């Protein structure tokens, strides 16, 4: 297993430091994917509250993950591949840890 290091990514204009053993380029792509999905949810729903947008996006991503695990994922979600999904989950968990320590 590779050693964990810190990678800085930007999501919705804010920088996050992520502890990971994933490739830096992969984490940048994952952060970009998440940023795009957050923007899509914000635009589609007209929601401006950051927490609401994050929760709705999280629900959408969780639905995609479950669909893939159950073998009924869309072409878009399947193209993410196992490594990108794992990195997305790691990114979300790291963000939760950052939020917890800020309180």
PDB file of N, CA and C in Angstrom:
ATOM      1  N   UNK A   1       0.848  -1.181   0.000  1.00  0.00           N
ATOM      2  CA  UNK A   1       0.000   0.000   0.000  1.00  0.00           C
ATOM      3  C   UNK A   1       0.892   1.243   0.000  1.00  0.00           C
ATOM      4  N   UNK A   2       0.543   2.208  -0.815  1.00  0.00           N
ATOM      5  CA  UNK A   2       1.314   3.441  -0.930  1.00  0.00           C
ATOM      6  C   UNK A   2       1.152   4.291   0.333  1.00  0.00           C
ATOM      7  N   UNK A   3       2.165   5.100   0.586  1.00  0.00           N
ATOM      8  CA  UNK A   3       2.129   5.975   1.748  1.00  0.00           C
ATOM      9  C   UNK A   3       1.160   7.129   1.509  1.00  0.00           C
ATOM     10  N   UNK A   4       0.427   7.500   2.542  1.00  0.00           N
ATOM     11  CA  UNK A   4      -0.514   8.614   2.424  1.00  0.00           C
ATOM     12  C   UNK A   4       0.242   9.929   2.433  1.00  0.00           C
ATOM     13  N   UNK A   5      -0.251  10.860   1.611  1.00  0.00           N
ATOM     14  CA  UNK A   5       0.298  12.201   1.549  1.00  0.00           C
ATOM     15  C   UNK A   5      -0.860  13.168   1.375  1.00  0.00           C
ATOM     16  N   UNK A   6      -0.574  14.435   1.389  1.00  0.00           N
ATOM     17  CA  UNK A   6      -1.618  15.444   1.270  1.00  0.00           C
ATOM     18  C   UNK A   6      -1.662  15.984  -0.155  1.00  0.00           C
ATOM     19  N   UNK A   7      -2.875  16.020  -0.704  1.00  0.00           N
ATOM     20  CA  UNK A   7      -3.124  16.588  -2.025  1.00  0.00           C
ATOM     21  C   UNK A   7      -4.120  17.724  -1.831  1.00  0.00           C
ATOM     22  N   UNK A   8      -3.847  18.872  -2.423  1.00  0.00           N
ATOM     23  CA  UNK A   8      -4.771  20.004  -2.338  1.00  0.00           C
ATOM     24  C   UNK A   8      -5.638  20.018  -3.580  1.00  0.00           C
ATOM     25  N   UNK A   9      -6.963  20.060  -3.357  1.00  0.00           N
ATOM     26  CA  UNK A   9      -7.927  20.127  -4.453  1.00  0.00           C
ATOM     27  C   UNK A   9      -8.825  21.331  -4.219  1.00  0.00           C
ATOM     28  N   UNK A  10      -9.474  21.786  -5.282  1.00  0.00           N
ATOM     29  CA  UNK A  10     -10.400  22.911  -5.163  1.00  0.00           C
ATOM     30  C   UNK A  10     -11.798  22.462  -5.563  1.00  0.00           C
ATOM     31  N   UNK A  11     -12.747  22.743  -4.675  1.00  0.00           N
ATOM     32  CA  UNK A  11     -14.146  22.406  -4.915  1.00  0.00           C
ATOM     33  C   UNK A  11     -14.981  23.618  -4.554  1.00  0.00           C
ATOM     34  N   UNK A  12     -15.763  24.088  -5.527  1.00  0.00           N
ATOM     35  CA  UNK A  12     -16.640  25.254  -5.348  1.00  0.00           C
ATOM     36  C   UNK A  12     -15.860  26.460  -4.843  1.00  0.00           C
ATOM     37  N   UNK A  13     -14.642  26.636  -5.370  1.00  0.00           N
ATOM     38  CA  UNK A  13     -13.834  27.797  -5.047  1.00  0.00           C
ATOM     39  C   UNK A  13     -13.089  27.729  -3.729  1.00  0.00           C
ATOM     40  N   UNK A  14     -13.182  26.606  -3.034  1.00  0.00           N
ATOM     41  CA  UNK A  14     -12.508  26.463  -1.751  1.00  0.00           C
ATOM     42  C   UNK A  14     -11.490  25.332  -1.849  1.00  0.00           C
ATOM     43  N   UNK A  15     -10.328  25.550  -1.255  1.00  0.00           N
ATOM     44  CA  UNK A  15      -9.288  24.526  -1.285  1.00  0.00           C
ATOM     45  C   UNK A  15      -9.434  23.580  -0.103  1.00  0.00           C
ATOM     46  N   UNK A  16      -9.225  22.291  -0.395  1.00  0.00           N
ATOM     47  CA  UNK A  16      -9.278  21.244   0.618  1.00  0.00           C
ATOM     48  C   UNK A  16      -7.992  20.441   0.545  1.00  0.00           C
ATOM     49  N   UNK A  17      -7.453  20.127   1.683  1.00  0.00           N
ATOM     50  CA  UNK A  17      -6.268  19.270   1.758  1.00  0.00           C
ATOM     51  C   UNK A  17      -6.745  17.864   2.088  1.00  0.00           C
ATOM     52  N   UNK A  18      -6.447  16.935   1.203  1.00  0.00           N
ATOM     53  CA  UNK A  18      -6.929  15.572   1.317  1.00  0.00           C
ATOM     54  C   UNK A  18      -5.763  14.637   1.608  1.00  0.00           C
ATOM     55  N   UNK A  19      -5.882  13.819   2.647  1.00  0.00           N
ATOM     56  CA  UNK A  19      -4.887  12.780   2.926  1.00  0.00           C
ATOM     57  C   UNK A  19      -5.267  11.557   2.116  1.00  0.00           C
ATOM     58  N   UNK A  20      -4.360  11.108   1.255  1.00  0.00           N
ATOM     59  CA  UNK A  20      -4.688  10.010   0.361  1.00  0.00           C
ATOM     60  C   UNK A  20      -3.440   9.260  -0.069  1.00  0.00           C
ATOM     61  N   UNK A  21      -3.645   8.031  -0.536  1.00  0.00           N
ATOM     62  CA  UNK A  21      -2.567   7.292  -1.173  1.00  0.00           C
ATOM     63  C   UNK A  21      -2.835   7.180  -2.671  1.00  0.00           C
ATOM     64  N   UNK A  22      -3.877   7.875  -3.140  1.00  0.00           N
ATOM     65  CA  UNK A  22      -4.227   7.886  -4.557  1.00  0.00           C
ATOM     66  C   UNK A  22      -3.313   8.830  -5.334  1.00  0.00           C
ATOM     67  N   UNK A  23      -3.257   8.632  -6.631  1.00  0.00           N
ATOM     68  CA  UNK A  23      -2.503   9.475  -7.539  1.00  0.00           C
ATOM     69  C   UNK A  23      -3.045  10.913  -7.504  1.00  0.00           C
ATOM     70  N   UNK A  24      -2.163  11.905  -7.507  1.00  0.00           N
ATOM     71  CA  UNK A  24      -2.574  13.313  -7.466  1.00  0.00           C
ATOM     72  C   UNK A  24      -3.527  13.656  -8.616  1.00  0.00           C
ATOM     73  N   UNK A  25      -3.182  13.194  -9.816  1.00  0.00           N
ATOM     74  CA  UNK A  25      -4.015  13.499 -10.986  1.00  0.00           C
ATOM     75  C   UNK A  25      -5.410  12.910 -10.832  1.00  0.00           C
ATOM     76  N   UNK A  26      -5.499  11.712 -10.265  1.00  0.00           N
ATOM     77  CA  UNK A  26      -6.806  11.093 -10.037  1.00  0.00           C
ATOM     78  C   UNK A  26      -7.618  11.927  -9.058  1.00  0.00           C
ATOM     79  N   UNK A  27      -6.989  12.379  -7.981  1.00  0.00           N
ATOM     80  CA  UNK A  27      -7.712  13.177  -6.993  1.00  0.00           C
ATOM     81  C   UNK A  27      -8.180  14.497  -7.596  1.00  0.00           C
ATOM     82  N   UNK A  28      -7.381  15.080  -8.488  1.00  0.00           N
ATOM     83  CA  UNK A  28      -7.795  16.317  -9.160  1.00  0.00           C
ATOM     84  C   UNK A  28      -9.009  16.046 -10.048  1.00  0.00           C
ATOM     85  N   UNK A  29      -9.005  14.914 -10.776  1.00  0.00           N
ATOM     86  CA  UNK A  29     -10.149  14.563 -11.630  1.00  0.00           C
ATOM     87  C   UNK A  29     -11.393  14.302 -10.794  1.00  0.00           C
ATOM     88  N   UNK A  30     -11.222  13.626  -9.659  1.00  0.00           N
ATOM     89  CA  UNK A  30     -12.348  13.335  -8.772  1.00  0.00           C
ATOM     90  C   UNK A  30     -12.926  14.638  -8.224  1.00  0.00           C
ATOM     91  N   UNK A  31     -12.056  15.535  -7.773  1.00  0.00           N
ATOM     92  CA  UNK A  31     -12.517  16.824  -7.247  1.00  0.00           C
ATOM     93  C   UNK A  31     -13.243  17.616  -8.333  1.00  0.00           C
ATOM     94  N   UNK A  32     -12.714  17.577  -9.544  1.00  0.00           N
ATOM     95  CA  UNK A  32     -13.352  18.270 -10.662  1.00  0.00           C
ATOM     96  C   UNK A  32     -14.731  17.670 -10.960  1.00  0.00           C
ATOM     97  N   UNK A  33     -14.808  16.354 -10.928  1.00  0.00           N
ATOM     98  CA  UNK A  33     -16.094  15.662 -11.146  1.00  0.00           C
ATOM     99  C   UNK A  33     -17.106  16.081 -10.076  1.00  0.00           C
ATOM    100  N   UNK A  34     -16.665  16.068  -8.816  1.00  0.00           N
ATOM    101  CA  UNK A  34     -17.546  16.467  -7.726  1.00  0.00           C
ATOM    102  C   UNK A  34     -17.970  17.921  -7.872  1.00  0.00           C
ATOM    103  N   UNK A  35     -17.032  18.789  -8.212  1.00  0.00           N
ATOM    104  CA  UNK A  35     -17.339  20.205  -8.409  1.00  0.00           C
ATOM    105  C   UNK A  35     -18.389  20.380  -9.512  1.00  0.00           C
ATOM    106  N   UNK A  36     -18.219  19.649 -10.609  1.00  0.00           N
ATOM    107  CA  UNK A  36     -19.193  19.702 -11.709  1.00  0.00           C
ATOM    108  C   UNK A  36     -20.563  19.229 -11.254  1.00  0.00           C
ATOM    109  N   UNK A  37     -20.595  18.137 -10.500  1.00  0.00           N
ATOM    110  CA  UNK A  37     -21.874  17.602 -10.028  1.00  0.00           C
ATOM    111  C   UNK A  37     -22.558  18.569  -9.059  1.00  0.00           C
ATOM    112  N   UNK A  38     -21.788  19.187  -8.180  1.00  0.00           N
ATOM    113  CA  UNK A  38     -22.355  20.180  -7.267  1.00  0.00           C
ATOM    114  C   UNK A  38     -22.959  21.343  -8.054  1.00  0.00           C
ATOM    115  N   UNK A  39     -22.247  21.813  -9.067  1.00  0.00           N
ATOM    116  CA  UNK A  39     -22.744  22.912  -9.898  1.00  0.00           C
ATOM    117  C   UNK A  39     -24.022  22.508 -10.630  1.00  0.00           C
ATOM    118  N   UNK A  40     -24.075  21.271 -11.124  1.00  0.00           N
ATOM    119  CA  UNK A  40     -25.279  20.792 -11.816  1.00  0.00           C
ATOM    120  C   UNK A  40     -26.481  20.778 -10.882  1.00  0.00           C
ATOM    121  N   UNK A  41     -26.286  20.263  -9.673  1.00  0.00           N
ATOM    122  CA  UNK A  41     -27.392  20.207  -8.705  1.00  0.00           C
ATOM    123  C   UNK A  41     -27.834  21.609  -8.339  1.00  0.00           C
ATOM    124  N   UNK A  42     -26.886  22.491  -8.107  1.00  0.00           N
ATOM    125  CA  UNK A  42     -27.205  23.878  -7.759  1.00  0.00           C
ATOM    126  C   UNK A  42     -28.012  24.540  -8.877  1.00  0.00           C
ATOM    127  N   UNK A  43     -27.577  24.333 -10.110  1.00  0.00           N
ATOM    128  CA  UNK A  43     -28.264  24.941 -11.253  1.00  0.00           C
ATOM    129  C   UNK A  43     -29.655  24.329 -11.465  1.00  0.00           C
ATOM    130  N   UNK A  44     -29.736  23.015 -11.385  1.00  0.00           N
ATOM    131  CA  UNK A  44     -30.997  22.315 -11.622  1.00  0.00           C
ATOM    132  C   UNK A  44     -32.058  22.637 -10.573  1.00  0.00           C
ATOM    133  N   UNK A  45     -31.635  22.745  -9.318  1.00  0.00           N
ATOM    134  CA  UNK A  45     -32.599  22.933  -8.235  1.00  0.00           C
ATOM    135  C   UNK A  45     -32.798  24.391  -7.850  1.00  0.00           C
ATOM    136  N   UNK A  46     -31.838  25.238  -8.213  1.00  0.00           N
ATOM    137  CA  UNK A  46     -31.928  26.630  -7.803  1.00  0.00           C
ATOM    138  C   UNK A  46     -31.583  26.812  -6.329  1.00  0.00           C
ATOM    139  N   UNK A  47     -31.095  25.747  -5.704  1.00  0.00           N
ATOM    140  CA  UNK A  47     -30.726  25.788  -4.292  1.00  0.00           C
ATOM    141  C   UNK A  47     -29.416  26.541  -4.127  1.00  0.00           C
ATOM    142  N   UNK A  48     -29.361  27.433  -3.156  1.00  0.00           N
ATOM    143  CA  UNK A  48     -28.137  28.189  -2.921  1.00  0.00           C
ATOM    144  C   UNK A  48     -27.457  27.784  -1.608  1.00  0.00           C
ATOM    145  N   UNK A  49     -28.179  27.139  -0.724  1.00  0.00           N
ATOM    146  CA  UNK A  49     -27.597  26.705   0.538  1.00  0.00           C
ATOM    147  C   UNK A  49     -26.566  25.609   0.271  1.00  0.00           C
ATOM    148  N   UNK A  50     -25.323  25.838   0.669  1.00  0.00           N
ATOM    149  CA  UNK A  50     -24.221  24.927   0.390  1.00  0.00           C
ATOM    150  C   UNK A  50     -24.473  23.532   0.945  1.00  0.00           C
ATOM    151  N   UNK A  51     -24.987  23.449   2.162  1.00  0.00           N
ATOM    152  CA  UNK A  51     -25.247  22.146   2.772  1.00  0.00           C
ATOM    153  C   UNK A  51     -26.325  21.394   1.996  1.00  0.00           C
ATOM    154  N   UNK A  52     -27.391  22.079   1.599  1.00  0.00           N
ATOM    155  CA  UNK A  52     -28.448  21.421   0.827  1.00  0.00           C
ATOM    156  C   UNK A  52     -27.927  20.900  -0.504  1.00  0.00           C
ATOM    157  N   UNK A  53     -27.111  21.713  -1.185  1.00  0.00           N
ATOM    158  CA  UNK A  53     -26.522  21.284  -2.465  1.00  0.00           C
ATOM    159  C   UNK A  53     -25.638  20.068  -2.241  1.00  0.00           C
ATOM    160  N   UNK A  54     -24.819  20.099  -1.186  1.00  0.00           N
ATOM    161  CA  UNK A  54     -23.921  18.978  -0.892  1.00  0.00           C
ATOM    162  C   UNK A  54     -24.714  17.710  -0.586  1.00  0.00           C
ATOM    163  N   UNK A  55     -25.782  17.839   0.194  1.00  0.00           N
ATOM    164  CA  UNK A  55     -26.588  16.666   0.527  1.00  0.00           C
ATOM    165  C   UNK A  55     -27.291  16.094  -0.700  1.00  0.00           C
ATOM    166  N   UNK A  56     -27.858  16.942  -1.529  1.00  0.00           N
ATOM    167  CA  UNK A  56     -28.517  16.463  -2.750  1.00  0.00           C
ATOM    168  C   UNK A  56     -27.514  15.803  -3.688  1.00  0.00           C
ATOM    169  N   UNK A  57     -26.334  16.387  -3.799  1.00  0.00           N
ATOM    170  CA  UNK A  57     -25.288  15.796  -4.630  1.00  0.00           C
ATOM    171  C   UNK A  57     -24.842  14.466  -4.048  1.00  0.00           C
ATOM    172  N   UNK A  58     -24.683  14.418  -2.745  1.00  0.00           N
ATOM    173  CA  UNK A  58     -24.310  13.173  -2.079  1.00  0.00           C
ATOM    174  C   UNK A  58     -25.327  12.072  -2.319  1.00  0.00           C
ATOM    175  N   UNK A  59     -26.600  12.435  -2.265  1.00  0.00           N
ATOM    176  CA  UNK A  59     -27.649  11.448  -2.544  1.00  0.00           C
ATOM    177  C   UNK A  59     -27.558  10.932  -3.972  1.00  0.00           C
ATOM    178  N   UNK A  60     -27.322  11.834  -4.915  1.00  0.00           N
ATOM    179  CA  UNK A  60     -27.184  11.423  -6.321  1.00  0.00           C
ATOM    180  C   UNK A  60     -25.985  10.493  -6.506  1.00  0.00           C
ATOM    181  N   UNK A  61     -24.857  10.840  -5.904  1.00  0.00           N
ATOM    182  CA  UNK A  61     -23.661  10.010  -6.028  1.00  0.00           C
ATOM    183  C   UNK A  61     -23.846   8.663  -5.332  1.00  0.00           C
ATOM    184  N   UNK A  62     -24.492   8.665  -4.177  1.00  0.00           N
ATOM    185  CA  UNK A  62     -24.767   7.403  -3.476  1.00  0.00           C
ATOM    186  C   UNK A  62     -25.663   6.501  -4.331  1.00  0.00           C
ATOM    187  N   UNK A  63     -26.642   7.094  -5.000  1.00  0.00           N
ATOM    188  CA  UNK A  63     -27.515   6.320  -5.890  1.00  0.00           C
ATOM    189  C   UNK A  63     -26.695   5.688  -7.001  1.00  0.00           C
ATOM    190  N   UNK A  64     -25.760   6.449  -7.572  1.00  0.00           N
ATOM    191  CA  UNK A  64     -24.895   5.914  -8.628  1.00  0.00           C
ATOM    192  C   UNK A  64     -24.043   4.759  -8.113  1.00  0.00           C
ATOM    193  N   UNK A  65     -23.471   4.927  -6.937  1.00  0.00           N
ATOM    194  CA  UNK A  65     -22.620   3.881  -6.366  1.00  0.00           C
ATOM    195  C   UNK A  65     -23.427   2.609  -6.126  1.00  0.00           C
ATOM    196  N   UNK A  66     -24.612   2.743  -5.557  1.00  0.00           N
ATOM    197  CA  UNK A  66     -25.456   1.573  -5.303  1.00  0.00           C
ATOM    198  C   UNK A  66     -25.848   0.904  -6.611  1.00  0.00           C
ATOM    199  N   UNK A  67     -26.187   1.705  -7.615  1.00  0.00           N
ATOM    200  CA  UNK A  67     -26.547   1.137  -8.916  1.00  0.00           C
ATOM    201  C   UNK A  67     -25.381   0.344  -9.505  1.00  0.00           C
ATOM    202  N   UNK A  68     -24.176   0.872  -9.383  1.00  0.00           N
ATOM    203  CA  UNK A  68     -22.999   0.163  -9.900  1.00  0.00           C
ATOM    204  C   UNK A  68     -22.782  -1.129  -9.131  1.00  0.00           C
ATOM    205  N   UNK A  69     -22.888  -1.065  -7.824  1.00  0.00           N
ATOM    206  CA  UNK A  69     -22.691  -2.266  -6.997  1.00  0.00           C
ATOM    207  C   UNK A  69     -23.737  -3.330  -7.301  1.00  0.00           C
ATOM    208  N   UNK A  70     -24.926  -2.908  -7.660  1.00  0.00           N
ATOM    209  CA  UNK A  70     -25.994  -3.851  -7.977  1.00  0.00           C
ATOM    210  C   UNK A  70     -26.011  -4.219  -9.456  1.00  0.00           C
ATOM    211  N   UNK A  71     -25.028  -3.709 -10.201  1.00  0.00           N
ATOM    212  CA  UNK A  71     -24.894  -4.070 -11.603  1.00  0.00           C
ATOM    213  C   UNK A  71     -25.895  -3.405 -12.531  1.00  0.00           C
ATOM    214  N   UNK A  72     -26.418  -2.263 -12.133  1.00  0.00           N
ATOM    215  CA  UNK A  72     -27.369  -1.561 -12.993  1.00  0.00           C
ATOM    216  C   UNK A  72     -26.999  -0.092 -13.164  1.00  0.00           C
ATOM    217  N   UNK A  73     -25.682   0.172 -13.182  1.00  0.00           N
ATOM    218  CA  UNK A  73     -25.204   1.544 -13.318  1.00  0.00           C
ATOM    219  C   UNK A  73     -25.357   2.064 -14.728  1.00  0.00           C
ATOM    220  N   UNK A  74     -25.441   3.370 -14.852  1.00  0.00           N
ATOM    221  CA  UNK A  74     -25.516   4.017 -16.161  1.00  0.00           C
ATOM    222  C   UNK A  74     -24.146   3.991 -16.808  1.00  0.00           C
ATOM    223  N   UNK A  75     -24.094   4.251 -18.098  1.00  0.00           N
ATOM    224  CA  UNK A  75     -22.818   4.288 -18.812  1.00  0.00           C
ATOM    225  C   UNK A  75     -21.912   5.354 -18.208  1.00  0.00           C
ATOM    226  N   UNK A  76     -22.499   6.492 -17.835  1.00  0.00           N
ATOM    227  CA  UNK A  76     -21.700   7.577 -17.244  1.00  0.00           C
ATOM    228  C   UNK A  76     -21.086   7.143 -15.924  1.00  0.00           C
ATOM    229  N   UNK A  77     -21.887   6.567 -15.040  1.00  0.00           N
ATOM    230  CA  UNK A  77     -21.358   6.188 -13.735  1.00  0.00           C
ATOM    231  C   UNK A  77     -20.403   5.011 -13.837  1.00  0.00           C
ATOM    232  N   UNK A  78     -20.646   4.086 -14.762  1.00  0.00           N
ATOM    233  CA  UNK A  78     -19.730   2.967 -14.934  1.00  0.00           C
ATOM    234  C   UNK A  78     -18.386   3.423 -15.460  1.00  0.00           C
ATOM    235  N   UNK A  79     -18.380   4.510 -16.239  1.00  0.00           N
ATOM    236  CA  UNK A  79     -17.117   5.003 -16.795  1.00  0.00           C
ATOM    237  C   UNK A  79     -16.211   5.570 -15.705  1.00  0.00           C
ATOM    238  N   UNK A  80     -16.767   5.860 -14.528  1.00  0.00           N
ATOM    239  CA  UNK A  80     -15.935   6.335 -13.423  1.00  0.00           C
ATOM    240  C   UNK A  80     -14.933   5.278 -12.997  1.00  0.00           C
ATOM    241  N   UNK A  81     -15.345   4.040 -13.014  1.00  0.00           N
ATOM    242  CA  UNK A  81     -14.469   2.959 -12.604  1.00  0.00           C
ATOM    243  C   UNK A  81     -14.336   2.878 -11.100  1.00  0.00           C
ATOM    244  N   UNK A  82     -13.851   1.744 -10.667  1.00  0.00           N
ATOM    245  CA  UNK A  82     -13.716   1.465  -9.240  1.00  0.00           C
ATOM    246  C   UNK A  82     -12.793   2.457  -8.543  1.00  0.00           C
ATOM    247  N   UNK A  83     -11.635   2.763  -9.136  1.00  0.00           N
ATOM    248  CA  UNK A  83     -10.669   3.658  -8.493  1.00  0.00           C
ATOM    249  C   UNK A  83     -11.230   5.061  -8.304  1.00  0.00           C
ATOM    250  N   UNK A  84     -11.937   5.565  -9.304  1.00  0.00           N
ATOM    251  CA  UNK A  84     -12.496   6.920  -9.174  1.00  0.00           C
ATOM    252  C   UNK A  84     -13.593   6.954  -8.122  1.00  0.00           C
ATOM    253  N   UNK A  85     -14.410   5.904  -8.055  1.00  0.00           N
ATOM    254  CA  UNK A  85     -15.443   5.870  -7.023  1.00  0.00           C
ATOM    255  C   UNK A  85     -14.815   5.808  -5.634  1.00  0.00           C
ATOM    256  N   UNK A  86     -13.785   4.987  -5.490  1.00  0.00           N
ATOM    257  CA  UNK A  86     -13.109   4.905  -4.202  1.00  0.00           C
ATOM    258  C   UNK A  86     -12.514   6.263  -3.824  1.00  0.00           C
ATOM    259  N   UNK A  87     -11.932   6.952  -4.798  1.00  0.00           N
ATOM    260  CA  UNK A  87     -11.354   8.269  -4.539  1.00  0.00           C
ATOM    261  C   UNK A  87     -12.435   9.291  -4.188  1.00  0.00           C
ATOM    262  N   UNK A  88     -13.598   9.199  -4.839  1.00  0.00           N
ATOM    263  CA  UNK A  88     -14.712  10.087  -4.504  1.00  0.00           C
ATOM    264  C   UNK A  88     -15.164   9.868  -3.064  1.00  0.00           C
ATOM    265  N   UNK A  89     -15.279   8.613  -2.685  1.00  0.00           N
ATOM    266  CA  UNK A  89     -15.688   8.295  -1.317  1.00  0.00           C
ATOM    267  C   UNK A  89     -14.652   8.823  -0.333  1.00  0.00           C
ATOM    268  N   UNK A  90     -13.369   8.627  -0.642  1.00  0.00           N
ATOM    269  CA  UNK A  90     -12.295   9.115   0.223  1.00  0.00           C
ATOM    270  C   UNK A  90     -12.333  10.638   0.339  1.00  0.00           C
ATOM    271  N   UNK A  91     -12.599  11.297  -0.773  1.00  0.00           N
ATOM    272  CA  UNK A  91     -12.691  12.753  -0.784  1.00  0.00           C
ATOM    273  C   UNK A  91     -13.840  13.227   0.098  1.00  0.00           C
ATOM    274  N   UNK A  92     -14.986  12.560  -0.014  1.00  0.00           N
ATOM    275  CA  UNK A  92     -16.141  12.933   0.806  1.00  0.00           C
ATOM    276  C   UNK A  92     -15.849  12.705   2.283  1.00  0.00           C
ATOM    277  N   UNK A  93     -15.245  11.564   2.599  1.00  0.00           N
ATOM    278  CA  UNK A  93     -14.931  11.270   3.994  1.00  0.00           C
ATOM    279  C   UNK A  93     -13.914  12.265   4.549  1.00  0.00           C
ATOM    280  N   UNK A  94     -12.942  12.640   3.746  1.00  0.00           N
ATOM    281  CA  UNK A  94     -11.950  13.613   4.179  1.00  0.00           C
ATOM    282  C   UNK A  94     -12.616  14.959   4.447  1.00  0.00           C
ATOM    283  N   UNK A  95     -13.565  15.330   3.611  1.00  0.00           N
ATOM    284  CA  UNK A  95     -14.308  16.578   3.803  1.00  0.00           C
ATOM    285  C   UNK A  95     -15.108  16.553   5.074  1.00  0.00           C
ATOM    286  N   UNK A  96     -15.671  15.392   5.399  1.00  0.00           N
ATOM    287  CA  UNK A  96     -16.421  15.265   6.647  1.00  0.00           C
ATOM    288  C   UNK A  96     -15.506  15.423   7.841  1.00  0.00           C
ATOM    289  N   UNK A  97     -14.304  14.852   7.755  1.00  0.00           N
ATOM    290  CA  UNK A  97     -13.337  14.991   8.841  1.00  0.00           C
ATOM    291  C   UNK A  97     -12.933  16.440   9.019  1.00  0.00           C
ATOM    292  N   UNK A  98     -12.754  17.179   7.895  1.00  0.00           N
ATOM    293  CA  UNK A  98     -12.396  18.586   7.943  1.00  0.00           C
ATOM    294  C   UNK A  98     -13.512  19.386   8.602  1.00  0.00           C
ATOM    295  N   UNK A  99     -14.777  19.096   8.217  1.00  0.00           N
ATOM    296  CA  UNK A  99     -15.915  19.806   8.796  1.00  0.00           C
ATOM    297  C   UNK A  99     -16.012  19.522  10.293  1.00  0.00           C
ATOM    298  N   UNK A 100     -15.793  18.262  10.715  1.00  0.00           N
ATOM    299  CA  UNK A 100     -15.895  17.900  12.122  1.00  0.00           C
ATOM    300  C   UNK A 100     -14.858  18.629  12.962  1.00  0.00           C
ATOM    301  N   UNK A 101     -13.641  18.711  12.444  1.00  0.00           N
ATOM    302  CA  UNK A 101     -12.578  19.354  13.207  1.00  0.00           C
ATOM    303  C   UNK A 101     -12.747  20.869  13.261  1.00  0.00           C
ATOM    304  N   UNK A 102     -13.516  21.435  12.337  1.00  0.00           N
ATOM    305  CA  UNK A 102     -13.743  22.874  12.324  1.00  0.00           C
ATOM    306  C   UNK A 102     -14.743  23.300  13.381  1.00  0.00           C
ATOM    307  N   UNK A 103     -15.513  22.358  13.916  1.00  0.00           N
ATOM    308  CA  UNK A 103     -16.557  22.697  14.884  1.00  0.00           C
ATOM    309  C   UNK A 103     -16.082  22.625  16.292  1.00  0.00           C
TER     310      UNK A 103
END
